[in-house]
Amino acid sequence: METMKLRSHIGINGILQIQIPTDLKNTSVEVVVVLEPLPSEETQPQYNAWGKLTTKESMTEAVTQIQQLGKTVGLDKNSIREMIEEGRRF
């Protein structure tokens, strides 16, 4: 008995085509097929640059932190204009 594990793709027509070369010739065999759908990209866990699991909650928290940081270090419009004018002088 020989066990093989392989990956294949079922096309839009819904037909799975498998071609497996064997050393057997001119003999009857019993074949067992187990179909196990692979998870799609959407269902696989996603990780951020630091290796932490990305969830809806973690993304919401990150956005909140970015907004808070913007408020903390935010500059008023006059300060930005002054910095632009100062940069033009050089």
PDB file of N, CA and C in Angstrom:
ATOM      1  N   MET A   1       0.851  -1.177   0.000  1.00  0.00           N
ATOM      2  CA  MET A   1       0.000   0.000   0.000  1.00  0.00           C
ATOM      3  C   MET A   1       0.892   1.234   0.000  1.00  0.00           C
ATOM      4  N   GLU A   2       0.532   2.223  -0.763  1.00  0.00           N
ATOM      5  CA  GLU A   2       1.292   3.460  -0.864  1.00  0.00           C
ATOM      6  C   GLU A   2       0.370   4.622  -0.543  1.00  0.00           C
ATOM      7  N   THR A   3       0.827   5.521   0.337  1.00  0.00           N
ATOM      8  CA  THR A   3       0.036   6.693   0.697  1.00  0.00           C
ATOM      9  C   THR A   3       0.693   7.921   0.094  1.00  0.00           C
ATOM     10  N   MET A   4      -0.103   8.748  -0.555  1.00  0.00           N
ATOM     11  CA  MET A   4       0.391   9.984  -1.150  1.00  0.00           C
ATOM     12  C   MET A   4      -0.459  11.144  -0.667  1.00  0.00           C
ATOM     13  N   LYS A   5       0.186  12.254  -0.469  1.00  0.00           N
ATOM     14  CA  LYS A   5      -0.541  13.468  -0.118  1.00  0.00           C
ATOM     15  C   LYS A   5      -0.147  14.528  -1.142  1.00  0.00           C
ATOM     16  N   LEU A   6      -1.134  15.153  -1.737  1.00  0.00           N
ATOM     17  CA  LEU A   6      -0.850  16.167  -2.733  1.00  0.00           C
ATOM     18  C   LEU A   6      -1.875  17.275  -2.652  1.00  0.00           C
ATOM     19  N   ARG A   7      -1.538  18.392  -3.269  1.00  0.00           N
ATOM     20  CA  ARG A   7      -2.473  19.514  -3.351  1.00  0.00           C
ATOM     21  C   ARG A   7      -2.881  19.678  -4.797  1.00  0.00           C
ATOM     22  N   SER A   8      -4.121  20.042  -4.991  1.00  0.00           N
ATOM     23  CA  SER A   8      -4.629  20.255  -6.328  1.00  0.00           C
ATOM     24  C   SER A   8      -5.618  21.405  -6.281  1.00  0.00           C
ATOM     25  N   HIS A   9      -6.105  21.783  -7.425  1.00  0.00           N
ATOM     26  CA  HIS A   9      -7.075  22.872  -7.510  1.00  0.00           C
ATOM     27  C   HIS A   9      -8.283  22.400  -8.301  1.00  0.00           C
ATOM     28  N   ILE A  10      -9.453  22.644  -7.758  1.00  0.00           N
ATOM     29  CA  ILE A  10     -10.690  22.311  -8.463  1.00  0.00           C
ATOM     30  C   ILE A  10     -11.100  23.551  -9.241  1.00  0.00           C
ATOM     31  N   GLY A  11     -11.235  23.396 -10.523  1.00  0.00           N
ATOM     32  CA  GLY A  11     -11.568  24.515 -11.390  1.00  0.00           C
ATOM     33  C   GLY A  11     -13.005  24.967 -11.238  1.00  0.00           C
ATOM     34  N   ILE A  12     -13.360  25.975 -11.998  1.00  0.00           N
ATOM     35  CA  ILE A  12     -14.702  26.565 -11.937  1.00  0.00           C
ATOM     36  C   ILE A  12     -15.781  25.564 -12.335  1.00  0.00           C
ATOM     37  N   ASN A  13     -15.385  24.527 -13.090  1.00  0.00           N
ATOM     38  CA  ASN A  13     -16.353  23.505 -13.509  1.00  0.00           C
ATOM     39  C   ASN A  13     -16.652  22.496 -12.406  1.00  0.00           C
ATOM     40  N   GLY A  14     -15.927  22.564 -11.285  1.00  0.00           N
ATOM     41  CA  GLY A  14     -16.179  21.668 -10.162  1.00  0.00           C
ATOM     42  C   GLY A  14     -15.604  20.274 -10.327  1.00  0.00           C
ATOM     43  N   ILE A  15     -14.744  20.076 -11.304  1.00  0.00           N
ATOM     44  CA  ILE A  15     -14.176  18.755 -11.557  1.00  0.00           C
ATOM     45  C   ILE A  15     -12.729  18.721 -11.072  1.00  0.00           C
ATOM     46  N   LEU A  16     -12.430  17.758 -10.235  1.00  0.00           N
ATOM     47  CA  LEU A  16     -11.071  17.547  -9.761  1.00  0.00           C
ATOM     48  C   LEU A  16     -10.387  16.545 -10.677  1.00  0.00           C
ATOM     49  N   GLN A  17      -9.274  16.949 -11.225  1.00  0.00           N
ATOM     50  CA  GLN A  17      -8.525  16.046 -12.096  1.00  0.00           C
ATOM     51  C   GLN A  17      -7.204  15.719 -11.405  1.00  0.00           C
ATOM     52  N   ILE A  18      -6.932  14.425 -11.253  1.00  0.00           N
ATOM     53  CA  ILE A  18      -5.705  13.972 -10.604  1.00  0.00           C
ATOM     54  C   ILE A  18      -5.001  12.994 -11.533  1.00  0.00           C
ATOM     55  N   GLN A  19      -3.726  13.218 -11.746  1.00  0.00           N
ATOM     56  CA  GLN A  19      -2.906  12.284 -12.501  1.00  0.00           C
ATOM     57  C   GLN A  19      -1.731  11.920 -11.613  1.00  0.00           C
ATOM     58  N   ILE A  20      -1.630  10.646 -11.273  1.00  0.00           N
ATOM     59  CA  ILE A  20      -0.577  10.175 -10.386  1.00  0.00           C
ATOM     60  C   ILE A  20       0.189   9.045 -11.065  1.00  0.00           C
ATOM     61  N   PRO A  21       1.451   9.261 -11.355  1.00  0.00           N
ATOM     62  CA  PRO A  21       2.237   8.163 -11.930  1.00  0.00           C
ATOM     63  C   PRO A  21       2.558   7.120 -10.852  1.00  0.00           C
ATOM     64  N   THR A  22       2.489   5.862 -11.201  1.00  0.00           N
ATOM     65  CA  THR A  22       2.823   4.779 -10.264  1.00  0.00           C
ATOM     66  C   THR A  22       3.711   3.753 -10.962  1.00  0.00           C
ATOM     67  N   ASP A  23       4.262   2.872 -10.152  1.00  0.00           N
ATOM     68  CA  ASP A  23       5.055   1.761 -10.691  1.00  0.00           C
ATOM     69  C   ASP A  23       4.157   0.570 -11.038  1.00  0.00           C
ATOM     70  N   LEU A  24       2.887   0.648 -10.635  1.00  0.00           N
ATOM     71  CA  LEU A  24       1.963  -0.457 -10.886  1.00  0.00           C
ATOM     72  C   LEU A  24       1.479  -0.429 -12.335  1.00  0.00           C
ATOM     73  N   LYS A  25       1.360  -1.620 -12.901  1.00  0.00           N
ATOM     74  CA  LYS A  25       0.860  -1.710 -14.282  1.00  0.00           C
ATOM     75  C   LYS A  25      -0.034  -2.941 -14.398  1.00  0.00           C
ATOM     76  N   ASN A  26      -1.068  -2.777 -15.189  1.00  0.00           N
ATOM     77  CA  ASN A  26      -1.959  -3.886 -15.484  1.00  0.00           C
ATOM     78  C   ASN A  26      -2.456  -4.589 -14.221  1.00  0.00           C
ATOM     79  N   THR A  27      -2.950  -3.811 -13.267  1.00  0.00           N
ATOM     80  CA  THR A  27      -3.451  -4.379 -12.013  1.00  0.00           C
ATOM     81  C   THR A  27      -4.615  -3.543 -11.499  1.00  0.00           C
ATOM     82  N   SER A  28      -5.464  -4.131 -10.707  1.00  0.00           N
ATOM     83  CA  SER A  28      -6.582  -3.419 -10.094  1.00  0.00           C
ATOM     84  C   SER A  28      -6.110  -2.805  -8.769  1.00  0.00           C
ATOM     85  N   VAL A  29      -6.610  -1.655  -8.482  1.00  0.00           N
ATOM     86  CA  VAL A  29      -6.251  -0.980  -7.234  1.00  0.00           C
ATOM     87  C   VAL A  29      -7.495  -0.376  -6.605  1.00  0.00           C
ATOM     88  N   GLU A  30      -7.411  -0.140  -5.322  1.00  0.00           N
ATOM     89  CA  GLU A  30      -8.466   0.578  -4.610  1.00  0.00           C
ATOM     90  C   GLU A  30      -7.916   1.962  -4.292  1.00  0.00           C
ATOM     91  N   VAL A  31      -8.681   2.983  -4.607  1.00  0.00           N
ATOM     92  CA  VAL A  31      -8.249   4.369  -4.409  1.00  0.00           C
ATOM     93  C   VAL A  31      -9.194   5.031  -3.416  1.00  0.00           C
ATOM     94  N   VAL A  32      -8.628   5.697  -2.413  1.00  0.00           N
ATOM     95  CA  VAL A  32      -9.408   6.449  -1.428  1.00  0.00           C
ATOM     96  C   VAL A  32      -9.056   7.917  -1.602  1.00  0.00           C
ATOM     97  N   VAL A  33     -10.060   8.743  -1.775  1.00  0.00           N
ATOM     98  CA  VAL A  33      -9.845  10.181  -1.954  1.00  0.00           C
ATOM     99  C   VAL A  33     -10.522  10.910  -0.806  1.00  0.00           C
ATOM    100  N   VAL A  34      -9.768  11.764  -0.133  1.00  0.00           N
ATOM    101  CA  VAL A  34     -10.312  12.603   0.934  1.00  0.00           C
ATOM    102  C   VAL A  34     -10.126  14.052   0.507  1.00  0.00           C
ATOM    103  N   LEU A  35     -11.214  14.768   0.372  1.00  0.00           N
ATOM    104  CA  LEU A  35     -11.145  16.180  -0.008  1.00  0.00           C
ATOM    105  C   LEU A  35     -11.208  17.033   1.244  1.00  0.00           C
ATOM    106  N   GLU A  36     -10.220  17.868   1.429  1.00  0.00           N
ATOM    107  CA  GLU A  36     -10.195  18.788   2.559  1.00  0.00           C
ATOM    108  C   GLU A  36      -9.884  20.183   2.025  1.00  0.00           C
ATOM    109  N   PRO A  37     -10.894  21.048   1.989  1.00  0.00           N
ATOM    110  CA  PRO A  37     -10.658  22.393   1.468  1.00  0.00           C
ATOM    111  C   PRO A  37      -9.598  23.114   2.296  1.00  0.00           C
ATOM    112  N   LEU A  38      -8.690  23.807   1.614  1.00  0.00           N
ATOM    113  CA  LEU A  38      -7.665  24.591   2.298  1.00  0.00           C
ATOM    114  C   LEU A  38      -8.253  25.932   2.690  1.00  0.00           C
ATOM    115  N   PRO A  39      -7.799  26.487   3.799  1.00  0.00           N
ATOM    116  CA  PRO A  39      -8.315  27.809   4.184  1.00  0.00           C
ATOM    117  C   PRO A  39      -7.904  28.859   3.167  1.00  0.00           C
ATOM    118  N   SER A  40      -8.797  29.783   2.915  1.00  0.00           N
ATOM    119  CA  SER A  40      -8.483  30.865   1.979  1.00  0.00           C
ATOM    120  C   SER A  40      -7.616  31.898   2.676  1.00  0.00           C
ATOM    121  N   GLU A  41      -7.090  32.837   1.907  1.00  0.00           N
ATOM    122  CA  GLU A  41      -6.257  33.902   2.471  1.00  0.00           C
ATOM    123  C   GLU A  41      -7.028  34.673   3.536  1.00  0.00           C
ATOM    124  N   GLU A  42      -8.328  34.816   3.331  1.00  0.00           N
ATOM    125  CA  GLU A  42      -9.137  35.602   4.252  1.00  0.00           C
ATOM    126  C   GLU A  42      -9.282  34.934   5.606  1.00  0.00           C
ATOM    127  N   THR A  43      -9.255  33.613   5.654  1.00  0.00           N
ATOM    128  CA  THR A  43      -9.457  32.926   6.917  1.00  0.00           C
ATOM    129  C   THR A  43      -8.146  32.596   7.618  1.00  0.00           C
ATOM    130  N   GLN A  44      -7.014  32.780   6.961  1.00  0.00           N
ATOM    131  CA  GLN A  44      -5.735  32.529   7.609  1.00  0.00           C
ATOM    132  C   GLN A  44      -5.413  33.694   8.528  1.00  0.00           C
ATOM    133  N   PRO A  45      -4.821  33.401   9.692  1.00  0.00           N
ATOM    134  CA  PRO A  45      -4.491  34.497  10.602  1.00  0.00           C
ATOM    135  C   PRO A  45      -3.471  35.440   9.981  1.00  0.00           C
ATOM    136  N   GLN A  46      -3.626  36.712  10.240  1.00  0.00           N
ATOM    137  CA  GLN A  46      -2.714  37.737   9.735  1.00  0.00           C
ATOM    138  C   GLN A  46      -1.919  38.295  10.914  1.00  0.00           C
ATOM    139  N   TYR A  47      -0.647  38.579  10.688  1.00  0.00           N
ATOM    140  CA  TYR A  47       0.224  39.095  11.735  1.00  0.00           C
ATOM    141  C   TYR A  47       0.797  40.429  11.304  1.00  0.00           C
ATOM    142  N   ASN A  48       1.038  41.303  12.291  1.00  0.00           N
ATOM    143  CA  ASN A  48       1.617  42.600  11.971  1.00  0.00           C
ATOM    144  C   ASN A  48       3.138  42.498  11.899  1.00  0.00           C
ATOM    145  N   ALA A  49       3.808  43.617  11.708  1.00  0.00           N
ATOM    146  CA  ALA A  49       5.266  43.628  11.537  1.00  0.00           C
ATOM    147  C   ALA A  49       6.008  43.141  12.778  1.00  0.00           C
ATOM    148  N   TRP A  50       5.356  43.156  13.930  1.00  0.00           N
ATOM    149  CA  TRP A  50       5.989  42.713  15.169  1.00  0.00           C
ATOM    150  C   TRP A  50       5.628  41.278  15.514  1.00  0.00           C
ATOM    151  N   GLY A  51       4.940  40.593  14.617  1.00  0.00           N
ATOM    152  CA  GLY A  51       4.599  39.199  14.832  1.00  0.00           C
ATOM    153  C   GLY A  51       3.377  38.977  15.703  1.00  0.00           C
ATOM    154  N   LYS A  52       2.637  40.037  15.984  1.00  0.00           N
ATOM    155  CA  LYS A  52       1.432  39.904  16.805  1.00  0.00           C
ATOM    156  C   LYS A  52       0.225  39.680  15.901  1.00  0.00           C
ATOM    157  N   LEU A  53      -0.706  38.867  16.381  1.00  0.00           N
ATOM    158  CA  LEU A  53      -1.918  38.560  15.633  1.00  0.00           C
ATOM    159  C   LEU A  53      -2.724  39.828  15.385  1.00  0.00           C
ATOM    160  N   THR A  54      -3.149  40.033  14.147  1.00  0.00           N
ATOM    161  CA  THR A  54      -3.946  41.194  13.785  1.00  0.00           C
ATOM    162  C   THR A  54      -5.420  40.823  13.862  1.00  0.00           C
ATOM    163  N   THR A  55      -6.150  41.561  14.674  1.00  0.00           N
ATOM    164  CA  THR A  55      -7.588  41.343  14.820  1.00  0.00           C
ATOM    165  C   THR A  55      -8.308  42.669  14.602  1.00  0.00           C
ATOM    166  N   LYS A  56      -9.612  42.608  14.527  1.00  0.00           N
ATOM    167  CA  LYS A  56     -10.396  43.833  14.375  1.00  0.00           C
ATOM    168  C   LYS A  56     -10.154  44.753  15.573  1.00  0.00           C
ATOM    169  N   GLU A  57     -10.071  44.154  16.752  1.00  0.00           N
ATOM    170  CA  GLU A  57      -9.851  44.932  17.965  1.00  0.00           C
ATOM    171  C   GLU A  57      -8.472  45.586  17.959  1.00  0.00           C
ATOM    172  N   SER A  58      -7.449  44.845  17.516  1.00  0.00           N
ATOM    173  CA  SER A  58      -6.102  45.414  17.509  1.00  0.00           C
ATOM    174  C   SER A  58      -5.988  46.541  16.487  1.00  0.00           C
ATOM    175  N   MET A  59      -6.684  46.403  15.353  1.00  0.00           N
ATOM    176  CA  MET A  59      -6.665  47.465  14.350  1.00  0.00           C
ATOM    177  C   MET A  59      -7.375  48.714  14.872  1.00  0.00           C
ATOM    178  N   THR A  60      -8.507  48.532  15.559  1.00  0.00           N
ATOM    179  CA  THR A  60      -9.238  49.658  16.136  1.00  0.00           C
ATOM    180  C   THR A  60      -8.379  50.368  17.172  1.00  0.00           C
ATOM    181  N   GLU A  61      -7.680  49.586  17.984  1.00  0.00           N
ATOM    182  CA  GLU A  61      -6.799  50.162  18.999  1.00  0.00           C
ATOM    183  C   GLU A  61      -5.657  50.952  18.349  1.00  0.00           C
ATOM    184  N   ALA A  62      -5.087  50.422  17.279  1.00  0.00           N
ATOM    185  CA  ALA A  62      -3.994  51.110  16.586  1.00  0.00           C
ATOM    186  C   ALA A  62      -4.465  52.443  16.006  1.00  0.00           C
ATOM    187  N   VAL A  63      -5.646  52.455  15.413  1.00  0.00           N
ATOM    188  CA  VAL A  63      -6.189  53.695  14.849  1.00  0.00           C
ATOM    189  C   VAL A  63      -6.425  54.711  15.954  1.00  0.00           C
ATOM    190  N   THR A  64      -6.957  54.261  17.074  1.00  0.00           N
ATOM    191  CA  THR A  64      -7.198  55.155  18.216  1.00  0.00           C
ATOM    192  C   THR A  64      -5.891  55.741  18.721  1.00  0.00           C
ATOM    193  N   GLN A  65      -4.857  54.907  18.810  1.00  0.00           N
ATOM    194  CA  GLN A  65      -3.554  55.385  19.276  1.00  0.00           C
ATOM    195  C   GLN A  65      -2.960  56.400  18.310  1.00  0.00           C
ATOM    196  N   ILE A  66      -3.109  56.175  17.005  1.00  0.00           N
ATOM    197  CA  ILE A  66      -2.602  57.113  16.009  1.00  0.00           C
ATOM    198  C   ILE A  66      -3.342  58.449  16.113  1.00  0.00           C
ATOM    199  N   GLN A  67      -4.656  58.386  16.295  1.00  0.00           N
ATOM    200  CA  GLN A  67      -5.434  59.613  16.431  1.00  0.00           C
ATOM    201  C   GLN A  67      -5.014  60.380  17.681  1.00  0.00           C
ATOM    202  N   GLN A  68      -4.792  59.659  18.783  1.00  0.00           N
ATOM    203  CA  GLN A  68      -4.365  60.290  20.023  1.00  0.00           C
ATOM    204  C   GLN A  68      -2.985  60.915  19.861  1.00  0.00           C
ATOM    205  N   LEU A  69      -2.082  60.228  19.179  1.00  0.00           N
ATOM    206  CA  LEU A  69      -0.748  60.759  18.930  1.00  0.00           C
ATOM    207  C   LEU A  69      -0.825  62.037  18.106  1.00  0.00           C
ATOM    208  N   GLY A  70      -1.713  62.048  17.118  1.00  0.00           N
ATOM    209  CA  GLY A  70      -1.895  63.249  16.307  1.00  0.00           C
ATOM    210  C   GLY A  70      -2.344  64.431  17.141  1.00  0.00           C
ATOM    211  N   LYS A  71      -3.194  64.180  18.110  1.00  0.00           N
ATOM    212  CA  LYS A  71      -3.662  65.260  18.994  1.00  0.00           C
ATOM    213  C   LYS A  71      -2.538  65.719  19.918  1.00  0.00           C
ATOM    214  N   THR A  72      -1.719  64.783  20.369  1.00  0.00           N
ATOM    215  CA  THR A  72      -0.650  65.097  21.313  1.00  0.00           C
ATOM    216  C   THR A  72       0.444  65.942  20.666  1.00  0.00           C
ATOM    217  N   VAL A  73       0.855  65.578  19.460  1.00  0.00           N
ATOM    218  CA  VAL A  73       1.960  66.287  18.807  1.00  0.00           C
ATOM    219  C   VAL A  73       1.475  67.214  17.697  1.00  0.00           C
ATOM    220  N   GLY A  74       0.181  67.386  17.590  1.00  0.00           N
ATOM    221  CA  GLY A  74      -0.375  68.202  16.514  1.00  0.00           C
ATOM    222  C   GLY A  74       0.092  69.643  16.587  1.00  0.00           C
ATOM    223  N   LEU A  75       0.281  70.205  15.458  1.00  0.00           N
ATOM    224  CA  LEU A  75       0.679  71.606  15.349  1.00  0.00           C
ATOM    225  C   LEU A  75      -0.484  72.411  14.787  1.00  0.00           C
ATOM    226  N   ASP A  76      -0.578  73.664  15.247  1.00  0.00           N
ATOM    227  CA  ASP A  76      -1.638  74.499  14.684  1.00  0.00           C
ATOM    228  C   ASP A  76      -1.226  74.971  13.284  1.00  0.00           C
ATOM    229  N   LYS A  77      -2.184  75.469  12.540  1.00  0.00           N
ATOM    230  CA  LYS A  77      -1.942  75.866  11.151  1.00  0.00           C
ATOM    231  C   LYS A  77      -0.893  76.966  11.046  1.00  0.00           C
ATOM    232  N   ASN A  78      -0.879  77.894  11.998  1.00  0.00           N
ATOM    233  CA  ASN A  78       0.090  78.987  11.954  1.00  0.00           C
ATOM    234  C   ASN A  78       1.512  78.462  12.109  1.00  0.00           C
ATOM    235  N   SER A  79       1.708  77.485  12.981  1.00  0.00           N
ATOM    236  CA  SER A  79       3.042  76.915  13.184  1.00  0.00           C
ATOM    237  C   SER A  79       3.520  76.227  11.918  1.00  0.00           C
ATOM    238  N   ILE A  80       2.638  75.537  11.253  1.00  0.00           N
ATOM    239  CA  ILE A  80       3.008  74.840  10.020  1.00  0.00           C
ATOM    240  C   ILE A  80       3.390  75.856   8.956  1.00  0.00           C
ATOM    241  N   ARG A  81       2.608  76.949   8.826  1.00  0.00           N
ATOM    242  CA  ARG A  81       2.926  77.994   7.844  1.00  0.00           C
ATOM    243  C   ARG A  81       4.290  78.617   8.127  1.00  0.00           C
ATOM    244  N   GLU A  82       4.565  78.877   9.434  1.00  0.00           N
ATOM    245  CA  GLU A  82       5.845  79.466   9.815  1.00  0.00           C
ATOM    246  C   GLU A  82       6.998  78.537   9.460  1.00  0.00           C
ATOM    247  N   MET A  83       6.811  77.232   9.652  1.00  0.00           N
ATOM    248  CA  MET A  83       7.865  76.268   9.337  1.00  0.00           C
ATOM    249  C   MET A  83       8.104  76.219   7.827  1.00  0.00           C
ATOM    250  N   ILE A  84       7.039  76.316   7.042  1.00  0.00           N
ATOM    251  CA  ILE A  84       7.172  76.303   5.583  1.00  0.00           C
ATOM    252  C   ILE A  84       7.933  77.544   5.134  1.00  0.00           C
ATOM    253  N   GLU A  85       7.560  78.699   5.674  1.00  0.00           N
ATOM    254  CA  GLU A  85       8.250  79.946   5.313  1.00  0.00           C
ATOM    255  C   GLU A  85       9.715  79.888   5.734  1.00  0.00           C
ATOM    256  N   GLU A  86       9.984  79.362   6.886  1.00  0.00           N
ATOM    257  CA  GLU A  86      11.374  79.230   7.366  1.00  0.00           C
ATOM    258  C   GLU A  86      12.170  78.325   6.433  1.00  0.00           C
ATOM    259  N   GLY A  87      11.546  77.246   5.959  1.00  0.00           N
ATOM    260  CA  GLY A  87      12.215  76.332   5.037  1.00  0.00           C
ATOM    261  C   GLY A  87      12.508  76.979   3.697  1.00  0.00           C
ATOM    262  N   ARG A  88      11.664  77.860   3.253  1.00  0.00           N
ATOM    263  CA  ARG A  88      11.863  78.541   1.978  1.00  0.00           C
ATOM    264  C   ARG A  88      13.044  79.497   2.008  1.00  0.00           C
ATOM    265  N   ARG A  89      13.393  79.951   3.174  1.00  0.00           N
ATOM    266  CA  ARG A  89      14.493  80.916   3.302  1.00  0.00           C
ATOM    267  C   ARG A  89      15.835  80.274   2.992  1.00  0.00           C
ATOM    268  N   PHE A  90      15.924  78.980   3.035  1.00  0.00           N
ATOM    269  CA  PHE A  90      17.211  78.320   2.824  1.00  0.00           C
ATOM    270  C   PHE A  90      17.343  77.849   1.436  1.00  0.00           C
TER     271      PHE A  90
END
